[in-house]
Amino acid sequence: MALDQASDVDPGLRIEVRHDDTTSITRIIIQGDVDAVTSDRVFEVFLQALREHRPTCVDMDVSGVTFLDSSGIRTLAQCQAEARRAGSHIVLLNLPPMVRRVLEITGLLHHFGVAHVWDDVATGQ
């Protein structure tokens, strides 16, 4: 599923979903602010991808995240909880220093797998 969406509420938020059937990995690429205005949309797209593809792993590429507030942090935690309930897990890819620092300060970084993959090898794109 290639989904490139601009939020009606915040046109600066872009979310793209890619799924690779051969690896059963779904990649969600998020660009823009993840905050009180946009975090519900991020969660909706995540749940849709989880239900539609039933991936073994969700790679969440956050290299384009420009801002992350407490609502965004809560959303990431909710996504991880939903993934675990579905027998999956999340790996955060390409964390900008700001996102990494926020997750370290809140003690949540260790709840996610973290990787640096600057190409699209994992999804064959």
PDB file of N, CA and C in Angstrom:
ATOM      1  N   MET A   1       0.855  -1.161   0.000  1.00  0.00           N
ATOM      2  CA  MET A   1       0.000   0.000   0.000  1.00  0.00           C
ATOM      3  C   MET A   1       0.895   1.215   0.000  1.00  0.00           C
ATOM      4  N   ALA A   2       0.784   1.999  -0.990  1.00  0.00           N
ATOM      5  CA  ALA A   2       1.502   3.266  -1.017  1.00  0.00           C
ATOM      6  C   ALA A   2       0.499   4.347  -0.693  1.00  0.00           C
ATOM      7  N   LEU A   3       0.668   4.954   0.436  1.00  0.00           N
ATOM      8  CA  LEU A   3      -0.266   5.958   0.905  1.00  0.00           C
ATOM      9  C   LEU A   3       0.513   7.208   1.218  1.00  0.00           C
ATOM     10  N   ASP A   4       0.217   8.266   0.533  1.00  0.00           N
ATOM     11  CA  ASP A   4       0.892   9.536   0.768  1.00  0.00           C
ATOM     12  C   ASP A   4      -0.201  10.530   1.092  1.00  0.00           C
ATOM     13  N   GLN A   5      -0.297  10.877   2.358  1.00  0.00           N
ATOM     14  CA  GLN A   5      -1.409  11.686   2.788  1.00  0.00           C
ATOM     15  C   GLN A   5      -0.936  12.982   3.415  1.00  0.00           C
ATOM     16  N   ALA A   6      -1.572  14.045   3.064  1.00  0.00           N
ATOM     17  CA  ALA A   6      -1.400  15.310   3.771  1.00  0.00           C
ATOM     18  C   ALA A   6      -2.630  15.461   4.647  1.00  0.00           C
ATOM     19  N   SER A   7      -2.427  15.774   5.891  1.00  0.00           N
ATOM     20  CA  SER A   7      -3.524  15.913   6.830  1.00  0.00           C
ATOM     21  C   SER A   7      -4.368  17.130   6.473  1.00  0.00           C
ATOM     22  N   ASP A   8      -5.681  16.981   6.581  1.00  0.00           N
ATOM     23  CA  ASP A   8      -6.573  18.120   6.367  1.00  0.00           C
ATOM     24  C   ASP A   8      -6.347  19.190   7.433  1.00  0.00           C
ATOM     25  N   VAL A   9      -6.011  18.746   8.636  1.00  0.00           N
ATOM     26  CA  VAL A   9      -5.812  19.676   9.743  1.00  0.00           C
ATOM     27  C   VAL A   9      -4.463  20.371   9.625  1.00  0.00           C
ATOM     28  N   ASP A  10      -3.446  19.639   9.252  1.00  0.00           N
ATOM     29  CA  ASP A  10      -2.106  20.197   9.140  1.00  0.00           C
ATOM     30  C   ASP A  10      -1.493  19.725   7.823  1.00  0.00           C
ATOM     31  N   PRO A  11      -1.517  20.561   6.792  1.00  0.00           N
ATOM     32  CA  PRO A  11      -0.990  20.141   5.495  1.00  0.00           C
ATOM     33  C   PRO A  11       0.513  19.867   5.524  1.00  0.00           C
ATOM     34  N   GLY A  12       1.180  20.215   6.607  1.00  0.00           N
ATOM     35  CA  GLY A  12       2.602  19.940   6.727  1.00  0.00           C
ATOM     36  C   GLY A  12       2.916  18.515   7.161  1.00  0.00           C
ATOM     37  N   LEU A  13       1.896  17.753   7.545  1.00  0.00           N
ATOM     38  CA  LEU A  13       2.112  16.364   7.948  1.00  0.00           C
ATOM     39  C   LEU A  13       1.942  15.459   6.746  1.00  0.00           C
ATOM     40  N   ARG A  14       2.961  14.653   6.484  1.00  0.00           N
ATOM     41  CA  ARG A  14       2.882  13.648   5.415  1.00  0.00           C
ATOM     42  C   ARG A  14       3.145  12.293   6.028  1.00  0.00           C
ATOM     43  N   ILE A  15       2.330  11.331   5.659  1.00  0.00           N
ATOM     44  CA  ILE A  15       2.498   9.958   6.131  1.00  0.00           C
ATOM     45  C   ILE A  15       2.420   9.058   4.914  1.00  0.00           C
ATOM     46  N   GLU A  16       3.427   8.248   4.751  1.00  0.00           N
ATOM     47  CA  GLU A  16       3.458   7.290   3.639  1.00  0.00           C
ATOM     48  C   GLU A  16       3.580   5.896   4.225  1.00  0.00           C
ATOM     49  N   VAL A  17       2.820   4.966   3.675  1.00  0.00           N
ATOM     50  CA  VAL A  17       2.845   3.578   4.137  1.00  0.00           C
ATOM     51  C   VAL A  17       3.265   2.694   2.977  1.00  0.00           C
ATOM     52  N   ARG A  18       4.240   1.849   3.234  1.00  0.00           N
ATOM     53  CA  ARG A  18       4.691   0.860   2.242  1.00  0.00           C
ATOM     54  C   ARG A  18       4.712  -0.502   2.920  1.00  0.00           C
ATOM     55  N   HIS A  19       4.322  -1.519   2.188  1.00  0.00           N
ATOM     56  CA  HIS A  19       4.354  -2.871   2.754  1.00  0.00           C
ATOM     57  C   HIS A  19       5.060  -3.808   1.790  1.00  0.00           C
ATOM     58  N   ASP A  20       5.894  -4.665   2.337  1.00  0.00           N
ATOM     59  CA  ASP A  20       6.598  -5.668   1.548  1.00  0.00           C
ATOM     60  C   ASP A  20       6.057  -7.036   1.948  1.00  0.00           C
ATOM     61  N   ASP A  21       5.313  -7.669   1.049  1.00  0.00           N
ATOM     62  CA  ASP A  21       4.722  -8.976   1.347  1.00  0.00           C
ATOM     63  C   ASP A  21       5.766 -10.059   1.574  1.00  0.00           C
ATOM     64  N   THR A  22       6.915  -9.957   0.929  1.00  0.00           N
ATOM     65  CA  THR A  22       7.926 -11.012   1.070  1.00  0.00           C
ATOM     66  C   THR A  22       8.574 -11.008   2.443  1.00  0.00           C
ATOM     67  N   THR A  23       8.709  -9.851   3.057  1.00  0.00           N
ATOM     68  CA  THR A  23       9.324  -9.788   4.393  1.00  0.00           C
ATOM     69  C   THR A  23       8.292  -9.593   5.488  1.00  0.00           C
ATOM     70  N   SER A  24       7.050  -9.266   5.122  1.00  0.00           N
ATOM     71  CA  SER A  24       5.978  -8.937   6.057  1.00  0.00           C
ATOM     72  C   SER A  24       6.338  -7.746   6.938  1.00  0.00           C
ATOM     73  N   ILE A  25       7.074  -6.809   6.337  1.00  0.00           N
ATOM     74  CA  ILE A  25       7.445  -5.582   7.037  1.00  0.00           C
ATOM     75  C   ILE A  25       6.681  -4.420   6.417  1.00  0.00           C
ATOM     76  N   THR A  26       6.079  -3.624   7.272  1.00  0.00           N
ATOM     77  CA  THR A  26       5.418  -2.402   6.836  1.00  0.00           C
ATOM     78  C   THR A  26       6.283  -1.238   7.272  1.00  0.00           C
ATOM     79  N   ARG A  27       6.501  -0.297   6.360  1.00  0.00           N
ATOM     80  CA  ARG A  27       7.247   0.913   6.698  1.00  0.00           C
ATOM     81  C   ARG A  27       6.294   2.092   6.654  1.00  0.00           C
ATOM     82  N   ILE A  28       6.297   2.863   7.734  1.00  0.00           N
ATOM     83  CA  ILE A  28       5.515   4.090   7.812  1.00  0.00           C
ATOM     84  C   ILE A  28       6.506   5.244   7.896  1.00  0.00           C
ATOM     85  N   ILE A  29       6.422   6.143   6.934  1.00  0.00           N
ATOM     86  CA  ILE A  29       7.331   7.281   6.862  1.00  0.00           C
ATOM     87  C   ILE A  29       6.542   8.518   7.277  1.00  0.00           C
ATOM     88  N   ILE A  30       7.017   9.182   8.320  1.00  0.00           N
ATOM     89  CA  ILE A  30       6.320  10.341   8.868  1.00  0.00           C
ATOM     90  C   ILE A  30       7.191  11.570   8.671  1.00  0.00           C
ATOM     91  N   GLN A  31       6.585  12.624   8.137  1.00  0.00           N
ATOM     92  CA  GLN A  31       7.290  13.892   7.938  1.00  0.00           C
ATOM     93  C   GLN A  31       6.423  15.012   8.475  1.00  0.00           C
ATOM     94  N   GLY A  32       7.017  15.861   9.306  1.00  0.00           N
ATOM     95  CA  GLY A  32       6.302  17.006   9.860  1.00  0.00           C
ATOM     96  C   GLY A  32       6.202  16.915  11.368  1.00  0.00           C
ATOM     97  N   ASP A  33       5.345  17.750  11.935  1.00  0.00           N
ATOM     98  CA  ASP A  33       5.143  17.792  13.375  1.00  0.00           C
ATOM     99  C   ASP A  33       4.198  16.683  13.819  1.00  0.00           C
ATOM    100  N   VAL A  34       4.554  16.011  14.911  1.00  0.00           N
ATOM    101  CA  VAL A  34       3.676  15.025  15.537  1.00  0.00           C
ATOM    102  C   VAL A  34       3.327  15.611  16.901  1.00  0.00           C
ATOM    103  N   ASP A  35       2.133  16.184  16.958  1.00  0.00           N
ATOM    104  CA  ASP A  35       1.741  16.946  18.141  1.00  0.00           C
ATOM    105  C   ASP A  35       0.255  16.749  18.409  1.00  0.00           C
ATOM    106  N   ALA A  36      -0.310  17.588  19.263  1.00  0.00           N
ATOM    107  CA  ALA A  36      -1.723  17.465  19.638  1.00  0.00           C
ATOM    108  C   ALA A  36      -2.648  17.560  18.427  1.00  0.00           C
ATOM    109  N   VAL A  37      -2.248  18.275  17.410  1.00  0.00           N
ATOM    110  CA  VAL A  37      -3.088  18.450  16.222  1.00  0.00           C
ATOM    111  C   VAL A  37      -3.002  17.238  15.299  1.00  0.00           C
ATOM    112  N   THR A  38      -1.845  16.614  15.192  1.00  0.00           N
ATOM    113  CA  THR A  38      -1.630  15.581  14.178  1.00  0.00           C
ATOM    114  C   THR A  38      -1.502  14.153  14.711  1.00  0.00           C
ATOM    115  N   SER A  39      -1.312  13.983  16.001  1.00  0.00           N
ATOM    116  CA  SER A  39      -1.011  12.641  16.521  1.00  0.00           C
ATOM    117  C   SER A  39      -2.152  11.651  16.311  1.00  0.00           C
ATOM    118  N   ASP A  40      -3.406  12.112  16.367  1.00  0.00           N
ATOM    119  CA  ASP A  40      -4.523  11.194  16.110  1.00  0.00           C
ATOM    120  C   ASP A  40      -4.459  10.629  14.694  1.00  0.00           C
ATOM    121  N   ARG A  41      -4.065  11.458  13.733  1.00  0.00           N
ATOM    122  CA  ARG A  41      -3.955  11.001  12.340  1.00  0.00           C
ATOM    123  C   ARG A  41      -2.848   9.958  12.198  1.00  0.00           C
ATOM    124  N   VAL A  42      -1.734  10.192  12.875  1.00  0.00           N
ATOM    125  CA  VAL A  42      -0.641   9.216  12.848  1.00  0.00           C
ATOM    126  C   VAL A  42      -1.140   7.877  13.386  1.00  0.00           C
ATOM    127  N   PHE A  43      -1.870   7.909  14.488  1.00  0.00           N
ATOM    128  CA  PHE A  43      -2.383   6.676  15.094  1.00  0.00           C
ATOM    129  C   PHE A  43      -3.383   5.978  14.173  1.00  0.00           C
ATOM    130  N   GLU A  44      -4.266   6.741  13.533  1.00  0.00           N
ATOM    131  CA  GLU A  44      -5.242   6.163  12.605  1.00  0.00           C
ATOM    132  C   GLU A  44      -4.554   5.449  11.447  1.00  0.00           C
ATOM    133  N   VAL A  45      -3.565   6.094  10.864  1.00  0.00           N
ATOM    134  CA  VAL A  45      -2.844   5.491   9.738  1.00  0.00           C
ATOM    135  C   VAL A  45      -2.109   4.236  10.205  1.00  0.00           C
ATOM    136  N   PHE A  46      -1.508   4.304  11.385  1.00  0.00           N
ATOM    137  CA  PHE A  46      -0.811   3.142  11.933  1.00  0.00           C
ATOM    138  C   PHE A  46      -1.781   1.963  12.105  1.00  0.00           C
ATOM    139  N   LEU A  47      -2.934   2.211  12.740  1.00  0.00           N
ATOM    140  CA  LEU A  47      -3.903   1.130  12.961  1.00  0.00           C
ATOM    141  C   LEU A  47      -4.407   0.549  11.642  1.00  0.00           C
ATOM    142  N   GLN A  48      -4.643   1.408  10.666  1.00  0.00           N
ATOM    143  CA  GLN A  48      -5.091   0.934   9.355  1.00  0.00           C
ATOM    144  C   GLN A  48      -4.047   0.011   8.729  1.00  0.00           C
ATOM    145  N   ALA A  49      -2.793   0.412   8.789  1.00  0.00           N
ATOM    146  CA  ALA A  49      -1.715  -0.419   8.220  1.00  0.00           C
ATOM    147  C   ALA A  49      -1.574  -1.735   8.983  1.00  0.00           C
ATOM    148  N   LEU A  50      -1.697  -1.676  10.298  1.00  0.00           N
ATOM    149  CA  LEU A  50      -1.579  -2.882  11.120  1.00  0.00           C
ATOM    150  C   LEU A  50      -2.697  -3.870  10.789  1.00  0.00           C
ATOM    151  N   ARG A  51      -3.897  -3.371  10.668  1.00  0.00           N
ATOM    152  CA  ARG A  51      -5.049  -4.242  10.369  1.00  0.00           C
ATOM    153  C   ARG A  51      -5.009  -4.777   8.937  1.00  0.00           C
ATOM    154  N   GLU A  52      -4.617  -3.918   8.010  1.00  0.00           N
ATOM    155  CA  GLU A  52      -4.634  -4.319   6.604  1.00  0.00           C
ATOM    156  C   GLU A  52      -3.520  -5.306   6.264  1.00  0.00           C
ATOM    157  N   HIS A  53      -2.331  -5.083   6.807  1.00  0.00           N
ATOM    158  CA  HIS A  53      -1.171  -5.876   6.389  1.00  0.00           C
ATOM    159  C   HIS A  53      -0.746  -6.951   7.389  1.00  0.00           C
ATOM    160  N   ARG A  54      -1.129  -6.804   8.634  1.00  0.00           N
ATOM    161  CA  ARG A  54      -0.714  -7.746   9.686  1.00  0.00           C
ATOM    162  C   ARG A  54       0.796  -8.024   9.627  1.00  0.00           C
ATOM    163  N   PRO A  55       1.609  -6.979   9.689  1.00  0.00           N
ATOM    164  CA  PRO A  55       3.057  -7.155   9.557  1.00  0.00           C
ATOM    165  C   PRO A  55       3.680  -7.797  10.791  1.00  0.00           C
ATOM    166  N   THR A  56       4.807  -8.460  10.578  1.00  0.00           N
ATOM    167  CA  THR A  56       5.574  -8.971  11.714  1.00  0.00           C
ATOM    168  C   THR A  56       6.344  -7.842  12.378  1.00  0.00           C
ATOM    169  N   CYS A  57       6.618  -6.791  11.604  1.00  0.00           N
ATOM    170  CA  CYS A  57       7.358  -5.641  12.099  1.00  0.00           C
ATOM    171  C   CYS A  57       6.871  -4.394  11.373  1.00  0.00           C
ATOM    172  N   VAL A  58       6.816  -3.289  12.111  1.00  0.00           N
ATOM    173  CA  VAL A  58       6.515  -1.999  11.512  1.00  0.00           C
ATOM    174  C   VAL A  58       7.746  -1.121  11.687  1.00  0.00           C
ATOM    175  N   ASP A  59       8.369  -0.781  10.580  1.00  0.00           N
ATOM    176  CA  ASP A  59       9.484   0.168  10.593  1.00  0.00           C
ATOM    177  C   ASP A  59       8.883   1.558  10.484  1.00  0.00           C
ATOM    178  N   MET A  60       9.109   2.375  11.492  1.00  0.00           N
ATOM    179  CA  MET A  60       8.586   3.735  11.487  1.00  0.00           C
ATOM    180  C   MET A  60       9.750   4.685  11.242  1.00  0.00           C
ATOM    181  N   ASP A  61       9.818   5.212  10.026  1.00  0.00           N
ATOM    182  CA  ASP A  61      10.885   6.140   9.665  1.00  0.00           C
ATOM    183  C   ASP A  61      10.476   7.533  10.118  1.00  0.00           C
ATOM    184  N   VAL A  62      11.164   8.046  11.126  1.00  0.00           N
ATOM    185  CA  VAL A  62      10.831   9.346  11.708  1.00  0.00           C
ATOM    186  C   VAL A  62      11.879  10.403  11.365  1.00  0.00           C
ATOM    187  N   SER A  63      12.673  10.140  10.338  1.00  0.00           N
ATOM    188  CA  SER A  63      13.731  11.086   9.967  1.00  0.00           C
ATOM    189  C   SER A  63      13.176  12.454   9.602  1.00  0.00           C
ATOM    190  N   GLY A  64      11.933  12.510   9.149  1.00  0.00           N
ATOM    191  CA  GLY A  64      11.337  13.774   8.756  1.00  0.00           C
ATOM    192  C   GLY A  64      10.495  14.429   9.840  1.00  0.00           C
ATOM    193  N   VAL A  65      10.499  13.858  11.056  1.00  0.00           N
ATOM    194  CA  VAL A  65       9.730  14.458  12.140  1.00  0.00           C
ATOM    195  C   VAL A  65      10.460  15.709  12.617  1.00  0.00           C
ATOM    196  N   THR A  66       9.750  16.828  12.579  1.00  0.00           N
ATOM    197  CA  THR A  66      10.354  18.113  12.921  1.00  0.00           C
ATOM    198  C   THR A  66      10.013  18.575  14.333  1.00  0.00           C
ATOM    199  N   PHE A  67       8.992  17.962  14.939  1.00  0.00           N
ATOM    200  CA  PHE A  67       8.589  18.331  16.292  1.00  0.00           C
ATOM    201  C   PHE A  67       7.841  17.156  16.892  1.00  0.00           C
ATOM    202  N   LEU A  68       8.075  16.880  18.168  1.00  0.00           N
ATOM    203  CA  LEU A  68       7.409  15.785  18.867  1.00  0.00           C
ATOM    204  C   LEU A  68       7.059  16.273  20.260  1.00  0.00           C
ATOM    205  N   ASP A  69       5.753  16.383  20.556  1.00  0.00           N
ATOM    206  CA  ASP A  69       5.354  16.814  21.892  1.00  0.00           C
ATOM    207  C   ASP A  69       4.796  15.618  22.668  1.00  0.00           C
ATOM    208  N   SER A  70       4.202  15.882  23.818  1.00  0.00           N
ATOM    209  CA  SER A  70       3.710  14.794  24.665  1.00  0.00           C
ATOM    210  C   SER A  70       2.615  13.980  23.974  1.00  0.00           C
ATOM    211  N   SER A  71       1.816  14.612  23.135  1.00  0.00           N
ATOM    212  CA  SER A  71       0.795  13.873  22.386  1.00  0.00           C
ATOM    213  C   SER A  71       1.440  12.910  21.401  1.00  0.00           C
ATOM    214  N   GLY A  72       2.500  13.354  20.757  1.00  0.00           N
ATOM    215  CA  GLY A  72       3.227  12.499  19.827  1.00  0.00           C
ATOM    216  C   GLY A  72       3.906  11.340  20.538  1.00  0.00           C
ATOM    217  N   ILE A  73       4.466  11.615  21.708  1.00  0.00           N
ATOM    218  CA  ILE A  73       5.090  10.554  22.505  1.00  0.00           C
ATOM    219  C   ILE A  73       4.042   9.517  22.896  1.00  0.00           C
ATOM    220  N   ARG A  74       2.896   9.993  23.368  1.00  0.00           N
ATOM    221  CA  ARG A  74       1.806   9.090  23.747  1.00  0.00           C
ATOM    222  C   ARG A  74       1.383   8.241  22.542  1.00  0.00           C
ATOM    223  N   THR A  75       1.299   8.862  21.376  1.00  0.00           N
ATOM    224  CA  THR A  75       0.900   8.139  20.172  1.00  0.00           C
ATOM    225  C   THR A  75       1.894   7.038  19.834  1.00  0.00           C
ATOM    226  N   LEU A  76       3.185   7.329  19.916  1.00  0.00           N
ATOM    227  CA  LEU A  76       4.186   6.285  19.654  1.00  0.00           C
ATOM    228  C   LEU A  76       4.032   5.125  20.626  1.00  0.00           C
ATOM    229  N   ALA A  77       3.791   5.439  21.899  1.00  0.00           N
ATOM    230  CA  ALA A  77       3.605   4.387  22.901  1.00  0.00           C
ATOM    231  C   ALA A  77       2.339   3.575  22.606  1.00  0.00           C
ATOM    232  N   GLN A  78       1.271   4.257  22.198  1.00  0.00           N
ATOM    233  CA  GLN A  78       0.035   3.557  21.845  1.00  0.00           C
ATOM    234  C   GLN A  78       0.230   2.670  20.616  1.00  0.00           C
ATOM    235  N   CYS A  79       0.975   3.152  19.650  1.00  0.00           N
ATOM    236  CA  CYS A  79       1.263   2.349  18.457  1.00  0.00           C
ATOM    237  C   CYS A  79       2.026   1.083  18.851  1.00  0.00           C
ATOM    238  N   GLN A  80       3.028   1.218  19.723  1.00  0.00           N
ATOM    239  CA  GLN A  80       3.799   0.055  20.151  1.00  0.00           C
ATOM    240  C   GLN A  80       2.901  -0.936  20.886  1.00  0.00           C
ATOM    241  N   ALA A  81       2.012  -0.439  21.764  1.00  0.00           N
ATOM    242  CA  ALA A  81       1.102  -1.327  22.486  1.00  0.00           C
ATOM    243  C   ALA A  81       0.178  -2.078  21.525  1.00  0.00           C
ATOM    244  N   GLU A  82      -0.359  -1.374  20.535  1.00  0.00           N
ATOM    245  CA  GLU A  82      -1.228  -2.020  19.546  1.00  0.00           C
ATOM    246  C   GLU A  82      -0.455  -3.034  18.710  1.00  0.00           C
ATOM    247  N   ALA A  83       0.771  -2.700  18.346  1.00  0.00           N
ATOM    248  CA  ALA A  83       1.602  -3.638  17.577  1.00  0.00           C
ATOM    249  C   ALA A  83       1.835  -4.912  18.380  1.00  0.00           C
ATOM    250  N   ARG A  84       2.166  -4.770  19.647  1.00  0.00           N
ATOM    251  CA  ARG A  84       2.409  -5.953  20.482  1.00  0.00           C
ATOM    252  C   ARG A  84       1.155  -6.801  20.618  1.00  0.00           C
ATOM    253  N   ARG A  85      -0.002  -6.146  20.778  1.00  0.00           N
ATOM    254  CA  ARG A  85      -1.261  -6.899  20.858  1.00  0.00           C
ATOM    255  C   ARG A  85      -1.506  -7.700  19.576  1.00  0.00           C
ATOM    256  N   ALA A  86      -1.015  -7.177  18.462  1.00  0.00           N
ATOM    257  CA  ALA A  86      -1.200  -7.846  17.174  1.00  0.00           C
ATOM    258  C   ALA A  86      -0.074  -8.825  16.850  1.00  0.00           C
ATOM    259  N   GLY A  87       0.854  -9.014  17.789  1.00  0.00           N
ATOM    260  CA  GLY A  87       1.968  -9.939  17.556  1.00  0.00           C
ATOM    261  C   GLY A  87       3.077  -9.337  16.722  1.00  0.00           C
ATOM    262  N   SER A  88       3.175  -8.028  16.706  1.00  0.00           N
ATOM    263  CA  SER A  88       4.176  -7.319  15.926  1.00  0.00           C
ATOM    264  C   SER A  88       5.000  -6.444  16.864  1.00  0.00           C
ATOM    265  N   HIS A  89       5.846  -5.623  16.301  1.00  0.00           N
ATOM    266  CA  HIS A  89       6.603  -4.644  17.070  1.00  0.00           C
ATOM    267  C   HIS A  89       7.035  -3.506  16.158  1.00  0.00           C
ATOM    268  N   ILE A  90       7.474  -2.425  16.768  1.00  0.00           N
ATOM    269  CA  ILE A  90       7.898  -1.245  16.018  1.00  0.00           C
ATOM    270  C   ILE A  90       9.400  -1.078  16.144  1.00  0.00           C
ATOM    271  N   VAL A  91      10.016  -0.750  15.021  1.00  0.00           N
ATOM    272  CA  VAL A  91      11.414  -0.312  15.009  1.00  0.00           C
ATOM    273  C   VAL A  91      11.405   1.119  14.497  1.00  0.00           C
ATOM    274  N   LEU A  92      11.946   2.033  15.290  1.00  0.00           N
ATOM    275  CA  LEU A  92      12.057   3.422  14.870  1.00  0.00           C
ATOM    276  C   LEU A  92      13.312   3.569  14.035  1.00  0.00           C
ATOM    277  N   LEU A  93      13.154   4.119  12.843  1.00  0.00           N
ATOM    278  CA  LEU A  93      14.280   4.295  11.930  1.00  0.00           C
ATOM    279  C   LEU A  93      14.681   5.758  11.856  1.00  0.00           C
ATOM    280  N   ASN A  94      15.974   5.979  11.777  1.00  0.00           N
ATOM    281  CA  ASN A  94      16.532   7.284  11.440  1.00  0.00           C
ATOM    282  C   ASN A  94      16.055   8.400  12.368  1.00  0.00           C
ATOM    283  N   LEU A  95      16.222   8.187  13.657  1.00  0.00           N
ATOM    284  CA  LEU A  95      15.776   9.181  14.628  1.00  0.00           C
ATOM    285  C   LEU A  95      16.584  10.460  14.536  1.00  0.00           C
ATOM    286  N   PRO A  96      15.908  11.585  14.332  1.00  0.00           N
ATOM    287  CA  PRO A  96      16.617  12.860  14.441  1.00  0.00           C
ATOM    288  C   PRO A  96      17.067  13.041  15.894  1.00  0.00           C
ATOM    289  N   PRO A  97      18.125  13.784  16.123  1.00  0.00           N
ATOM    290  CA  PRO A  97      18.613  13.966  17.503  1.00  0.00           C
ATOM    291  C   PRO A  97      17.527  14.443  18.466  1.00  0.00           C
ATOM    292  N   MET A  98      16.649  15.332  18.029  1.00  0.00           N
ATOM    293  CA  MET A  98      15.592  15.839  18.896  1.00  0.00           C
ATOM    294  C   MET A  98      14.637  14.730  19.323  1.00  0.00           C
ATOM    295  N   VAL A  99      14.247  13.871  18.405  1.00  0.00           N
ATOM    296  CA  VAL A  99      13.329  12.773  18.721  1.00  0.00           C
ATOM    297  C   VAL A  99      14.020  11.794  19.665  1.00  0.00           C
ATOM    298  N   ARG A 100      15.264  11.456  19.368  1.00  0.00           N
ATOM    299  CA  ARG A 100      16.017  10.549  20.233  1.00  0.00           C
ATOM    300  C   ARG A 100      16.099  11.111  21.651  1.00  0.00           C
ATOM    301  N   ARG A 101      16.413  12.388  21.767  1.00  0.00           N
ATOM    302  CA  ARG A 101      16.569  13.015  23.084  1.00  0.00           C
ATOM    303  C   ARG A 101      15.260  13.003  23.866  1.00  0.00           C
ATOM    304  N   VAL A 102      14.158  13.329  23.206  1.00  0.00           N
ATOM    305  CA  VAL A 102      12.852  13.320  23.872  1.00  0.00           C
ATOM    306  C   VAL A 102      12.527  11.920  24.385  1.00  0.00           C
ATOM    307  N   LEU A 103      12.769  10.902  23.569  1.00  0.00           N
ATOM    308  CA  LEU A 103      12.482   9.528  23.991  1.00  0.00           C
ATOM    309  C   LEU A 103      13.432   9.064  25.095  1.00  0.00           C
ATOM    310  N   GLU A 104      14.678   9.526  25.064  1.00  0.00           N
ATOM    311  CA  GLU A 104      15.611   9.211  26.152  1.00  0.00           C
ATOM    312  C   GLU A 104      15.154   9.852  27.453  1.00  0.00           C
ATOM    313  N   ILE A 105      14.804  11.127  27.414  1.00  0.00           N
ATOM    314  CA  ILE A 105      14.391  11.855  28.618  1.00  0.00           C
ATOM    315  C   ILE A 105      13.162  11.216  29.248  1.00  0.00           C
ATOM    316  N   THR A 106      12.231  10.780  28.427  1.00  0.00           N
ATOM    317  CA  THR A 106      11.000  10.184  28.941  1.00  0.00           C
ATOM    318  C   THR A 106      11.165   8.716  29.326  1.00  0.00           C
ATOM    319  N   GLY A 107      12.323   8.144  29.046  1.00  0.00           N
ATOM    320  CA  GLY A 107      12.563   6.742  29.376  1.00  0.00           C
ATOM    321  C   GLY A 107      11.898   5.770  28.434  1.00  0.00           C
ATOM    322  N   LEU A 108      11.457   6.232  27.274  1.00  0.00           N
ATOM    323  CA  LEU A 108      10.741   5.371  26.338  1.00  0.00           C
ATOM    324  C   LEU A 108      11.599   4.802  25.212  1.00  0.00           C
ATOM    325  N   LEU A 109      12.802   5.295  25.063  1.00  0.00           N
ATOM    326  CA  LEU A 109      13.622   4.844  23.941  1.00  0.00           C
ATOM    327  C   LEU A 109      13.819   3.332  23.953  1.00  0.00           C
ATOM    328  N   HIS A 110      13.999   2.756  25.133  1.00  0.00           N
ATOM    329  CA  HIS A 110      14.244   1.309  25.222  1.00  0.00           C
ATOM    330  C   HIS A 110      12.998   0.469  24.915  1.00  0.00           C
ATOM    331  N   HIS A 111      11.828   1.084  24.786  1.00  0.00           N
ATOM    332  CA  HIS A 111      10.607   0.350  24.446  1.00  0.00           C
ATOM    333  C   HIS A 111      10.503   0.056  22.954  1.00  0.00           C
ATOM    334  N   PHE A 112      11.367   0.672  22.178  1.00  0.00           N
ATOM    335  CA  PHE A 112      11.339   0.509  20.729  1.00  0.00           C
ATOM    336  C   PHE A 112      12.660  -0.064  20.256  1.00  0.00           C
ATOM    337  N   GLY A 113      12.616  -0.802  19.157  1.00  0.00           N
ATOM    338  CA  GLY A 113      13.846  -1.090  18.451  1.00  0.00           C
ATOM    339  C   GLY A 113      14.241   0.191  17.736  1.00  0.00           C
ATOM    340  N   VAL A 114      15.532   0.431  17.605  1.00  0.00           N
ATOM    341  CA  VAL A 114      16.014   1.640  16.946  1.00  0.00           C
ATOM    342  C   VAL A 114      17.062   1.234  15.923  1.00  0.00           C
ATOM    343  N   ALA A 115      16.941   1.783  14.715  1.00  0.00           N
ATOM    344  CA  ALA A 115      17.901   1.468  13.657  1.00  0.00           C
ATOM    345  C   ALA A 115      18.122   2.696  12.790  1.00  0.00           C
ATOM    346  N   HIS A 116      19.230   2.682  12.088  1.00  0.00           N
ATOM    347  CA  HIS A 116      19.532   3.736  11.126  1.00  0.00           C
ATOM    348  C   HIS A 116      19.633   3.084   9.754  1.00  0.00           C
ATOM    349  N   VAL A 117      18.639   3.313   8.934  1.00  0.00           N
ATOM    350  CA  VAL A 117      18.579   2.751   7.589  1.00  0.00           C
ATOM    351  C   VAL A 117      18.178   3.890   6.675  1.00  0.00           C
ATOM    352  N   TRP A 118      19.126   4.504   6.029  1.00  0.00           N
ATOM    353  CA  TRP A 118      18.828   5.686   5.244  1.00  0.00           C
ATOM    354  C   TRP A 118      18.406   5.369   3.823  1.00  0.00           C
ATOM    355  N   ASP A 119      18.352   4.106   3.455  1.00  0.00           N
ATOM    356  CA  ASP A 119      17.838   3.744   2.128  1.00  0.00           C
ATOM    357  C   ASP A 119      16.584   2.915   2.309  1.00  0.00           C
ATOM    358  N   ASP A 120      16.046   2.415   1.231  1.00  0.00           N
ATOM    359  CA  ASP A 120      14.809   1.667   1.279  1.00  0.00           C
ATOM    360  C   ASP A 120      15.028   0.179   1.046  1.00  0.00           C
ATOM    361  N   VAL A 121      16.148  -0.350   1.498  1.00  0.00           N
ATOM    362  CA  VAL A 121      16.437  -1.765   1.304  1.00  0.00           C
ATOM    363  C   VAL A 121      15.391  -2.656   1.970  1.00  0.00           C
ATOM    364  N   ALA A 122      14.949  -2.282   3.167  1.00  0.00           N
ATOM    365  CA  ALA A 122      14.022  -3.125   3.921  1.00  0.00           C
ATOM    366  C   ALA A 122      12.683  -3.319   3.215  1.00  0.00           C
ATOM    367  N   THR A 123      12.272  -2.385   2.400  1.00  0.00           N
ATOM    368  CA  THR A 123      10.982  -2.509   1.730  1.00  0.00           C
ATOM    369  C   THR A 123      11.115  -2.710   0.230  1.00  0.00           C
ATOM    370  N   GLY A 124      12.336  -2.833  -0.232  1.00  0.00           N
ATOM    371  CA  GLY A 124      12.531  -3.085  -1.647  1.00  0.00           C
ATOM    372  C   GLY A 124      12.182  -1.901  -2.531  1.00  0.00           C
ATOM    373  N   GLN A 125      12.101  -0.720  -1.983  1.00  0.00           N
ATOM    374  CA  GLN A 125      11.736   0.470  -2.772  1.00  0.00           C
ATOM    375  C   GLN A 125      12.967   1.174  -3.260  1.00  0.00           C
TER     376      GLN A 125
END
